[in-house]
Protein backbone atom coordinates (compact mmCIF):
# COMPACT_ATOMS: atom_id res chain seq x y z
CA MET A 1 195.65 257.66 27.56
CA ALA A 2 194.87 257.87 31.32
CA ASP A 3 191.87 256.22 32.85
CA ALA A 4 190.32 256.82 36.23
CA LYS A 5 187.49 255.64 38.23
CA ARG A 6 186.13 256.85 41.34
CA THR A 7 185.49 254.26 44.06
CA THR A 8 184.58 254.12 47.64
CA VAL A 9 186.78 252.09 50.03
CA MET A 10 185.75 250.99 53.35
CA LYS A 11 188.22 251.47 56.06
CA LEU A 12 188.24 249.16 58.87
CA GLU A 13 189.86 250.07 62.19
CA GLU A 14 190.42 248.11 65.39
CA VAL A 15 188.72 249.83 68.35
CA GLU A 16 188.42 248.70 71.90
CA GLY A 17 184.96 247.91 73.02
CA VAL A 18 182.76 245.97 75.35
CA ALA A 19 180.36 243.10 74.61
CA LEU A 20 177.26 243.35 76.90
CA THR A 21 174.61 240.76 77.30
CA LEU A 22 171.19 241.95 78.68
CA THR A 23 167.88 240.36 79.46
CA MET A 24 164.91 241.66 77.67
CA GLU A 25 163.84 243.52 80.74
CA GLU A 26 167.31 245.18 81.15
CA VAL A 27 167.05 246.20 77.56
CA ALA A 28 163.68 247.88 78.24
CA VAL A 29 165.15 249.64 81.22
CA LEU A 30 168.24 250.90 79.31
CA ARG A 31 165.99 251.97 76.35
CA ALA A 32 163.76 253.89 78.76
CA VAL A 33 166.71 255.62 80.34
CA LEU A 34 168.37 256.43 77.06
CA GLY A 35 164.99 257.99 75.85
CA ARG A 36 165.44 260.64 78.64
CA VAL A 37 168.90 261.78 77.63
CA GLY A 38 169.04 265.31 76.25
CA GLY A 39 171.75 267.53 75.02
CA SER A 40 173.52 268.53 71.72
CA VAL A 41 173.89 265.57 69.36
CA GLN A 42 176.90 267.32 67.84
CA ARG A 43 178.81 268.89 70.88
CA SER A 44 178.07 266.49 73.66
CA PRO A 45 178.29 262.67 74.47
CA ARG A 46 174.59 262.65 73.59
CA LYS A 47 175.61 261.37 70.08
CA HIS A 48 176.80 258.11 71.76
CA VAL A 49 173.45 257.82 73.37
CA ASP A 50 171.74 258.07 70.10
CA ALA A 51 174.16 255.30 68.61
CA ILE A 52 173.44 252.93 71.33
CA ARG A 53 169.63 253.47 71.00
CA LYS A 54 169.77 252.96 67.28
CA THR A 55 171.80 249.55 67.66
CA LEU A 56 169.19 248.42 70.21
CA ASP A 57 166.27 249.22 68.06
CA GLU A 58 167.94 247.21 65.20
CA VAL A 59 168.33 244.14 67.41
CA VAL A 60 165.19 244.30 69.61
CA PRO A 61 161.88 245.63 68.46
CA SER A 62 161.04 248.80 70.32
CA PHE A 63 157.68 247.63 71.43
CA TYR A 64 159.08 244.89 73.68
CA PRO A 65 158.00 244.56 76.37
CA GLN A 66 154.51 246.19 76.04
CA GLU A 67 153.54 244.93 79.68
CA GLY A 68 155.75 246.23 82.21
CA ASP A 69 157.43 248.84 80.18
CA PRO A 70 159.41 250.79 82.79
CA THR A 71 159.24 254.20 80.70
CA HIS A 72 156.29 255.39 82.81
CA LEU A 73 158.14 255.05 86.06
CA LEU A 74 160.89 257.50 85.14
CA THR A 75 160.73 261.02 86.46
CA GLY A 76 162.99 263.89 85.18
CA THR A 77 165.68 263.94 82.51
CA LEU A 78 169.35 263.66 82.01
CA ARG A 79 171.15 266.35 80.07
CA PHE A 80 174.62 266.33 78.76
CA SER A 81 176.25 269.70 78.68
CA GLU A 82 178.23 270.52 75.64
CA ALA A 83 181.90 269.37 75.67
CA ARG A 84 184.59 271.88 76.32
CA LYS A 85 187.62 272.30 74.25
CA PHE A 86 189.99 271.15 76.89
CA VAL A 87 188.72 267.77 77.33
CA THR A 88 191.48 265.50 76.08
CA GLY A 89 191.25 261.80 75.01
CA MET A 90 187.58 262.07 74.51
CA SER A 91 185.87 262.31 71.04
CA PHE A 92 182.65 264.28 71.65
């Protein structure tokens, strides 16, 4: 008699990346800038912005630093347009 069991397998893949070391003040500035980025989460590079913000939030509490938070110094927003079909080599 045949027996089957459904399982989930984690697939690991090697990807090229960059390790970045930031001071807490630099983290605060990066978080402030990333908070001003708009665009489609599905059809633009905005999805990468959200992934970076999520990773920062996991490592550094979002309330740091309360004093001197640069968010209030920003004006305007950044907005990604939707990626066009002819873009090659990019996974948006």
